Amino acid sequence: MKTKSHSMHIEFHTGDVVEVETTSGTVSALVLLATDEFVILDSCDDTTPVVVRADDLISARIYDGSLA
């Protein structure tokens, strides 16, 4: 998978597919809703979606299909 990696503030959009680092490893997730402050992520694995602060996702990678 080709991605765009960001080191500064990331602008998330509803529908983005992202990879984030967690305490249990790397997780891919779908952005269900994004605001300037918060992002709701669904890992699509039958777990409850999570709400995280956008600023806490500085090492997230957003999948960019145009790079595929």
Protein backbone atom coordinates (compact mmCIF):
# COMPACT_ATOMS: atom_id res chain seq x y z
CA MET A 1 0.00 0.00 0.00
CA LYS A 2 1.34 3.40 -0.92
CA THR A 3 0.64 6.20 1.54
CA LYS A 4 1.29 9.84 2.16
CA SER A 5 2.95 10.30 5.54
CA HIS A 6 2.70 13.57 7.41
CA SER A 7 4.85 14.96 10.20
CA MET A 8 2.73 18.03 10.93
CA HIS A 9 -1.01 18.50 11.50
CA ILE A 10 -2.97 16.11 9.31
CA GLU A 11 -6.23 17.14 7.68
CA PHE A 12 -8.56 14.14 7.93
CA HIS A 13 -11.68 13.77 5.80
CA THR A 14 -14.71 11.55 6.25
CA GLY A 15 -14.09 8.38 4.23
CA ASP A 16 -10.29 8.43 4.49
CA VAL A 17 -8.55 5.12 5.13
CA VAL A 18 -5.73 5.59 7.63
CA GLU A 19 -3.04 3.62 9.41
CA VAL A 20 -2.32 4.54 13.03
CA GLU A 21 0.11 3.23 15.59
CA THR A 22 -1.43 1.83 18.79
CA THR A 23 -0.02 0.08 21.82
CA SER A 24 -0.85 -3.23 20.15
CA GLY A 25 0.63 -2.38 16.74
CA THR A 26 -0.41 -0.74 13.49
CA VAL A 27 -4.15 -0.55 12.79
CA SER A 28 -5.96 0.39 9.59
CA ALA A 29 -9.20 2.29 10.06
CA LEU A 30 -11.92 4.15 8.20
CA VAL A 31 -12.60 7.77 9.17
CA LEU A 32 -16.33 7.86 9.91
CA LEU A 33 -16.39 11.56 10.79
CA ALA A 34 -13.70 14.21 11.00
CA THR A 35 -13.66 17.70 12.48
CA ASP A 36 -10.75 20.03 13.14
CA GLU A 37 -10.54 18.68 16.69
CA PHE A 38 -11.75 15.07 16.66
CA VAL A 39 -11.81 12.02 14.40
CA ILE A 40 -14.05 8.96 14.72
CA LEU A 41 -12.19 5.85 13.53
CA ASP A 42 -13.67 2.44 12.73
CA SER A 43 -11.23 -0.43 12.36
CA CYS A 44 -14.01 -2.45 10.64
CA ASP A 45 -13.35 -5.48 12.86
CA ASP A 46 -16.63 -5.54 14.84
CA THR A 47 -15.15 -3.39 17.63
CA THR A 48 -16.70 -0.10 18.69
CA PRO A 49 -15.45 2.93 16.73
CA VAL A 50 -13.21 5.26 18.73
CA VAL A 51 -13.08 9.03 19.04
CA VAL A 52 -9.58 10.51 19.13
CA ARG A 53 -8.16 14.02 19.08
CA ALA A 54 -6.89 14.82 15.59
CA ASP A 55 -3.72 16.30 17.09
CA ASP A 56 -2.94 12.93 18.73
CA LEU A 57 -2.68 11.27 15.29
CA ILE A 58 0.48 13.02 14.14
CA SER A 59 2.06 9.78 12.91
CA ALA A 60 -1.04 8.58 11.03
CA ARG A 61 -0.75 7.70 7.37
CA ILE A 62 -3.61 8.41 4.98
CA TYR A 63 -4.03 5.98 2.09
CA ASP A 64 -3.89 7.76 -1.26
CA GLY A 65 -5.31 5.62 -4.04
CA SER A 66 -3.87 7.90 -6.71
CA LEU A 67 -0.37 6.71 -5.71
CA ALA A 68 -1.28 3.04 -6.25
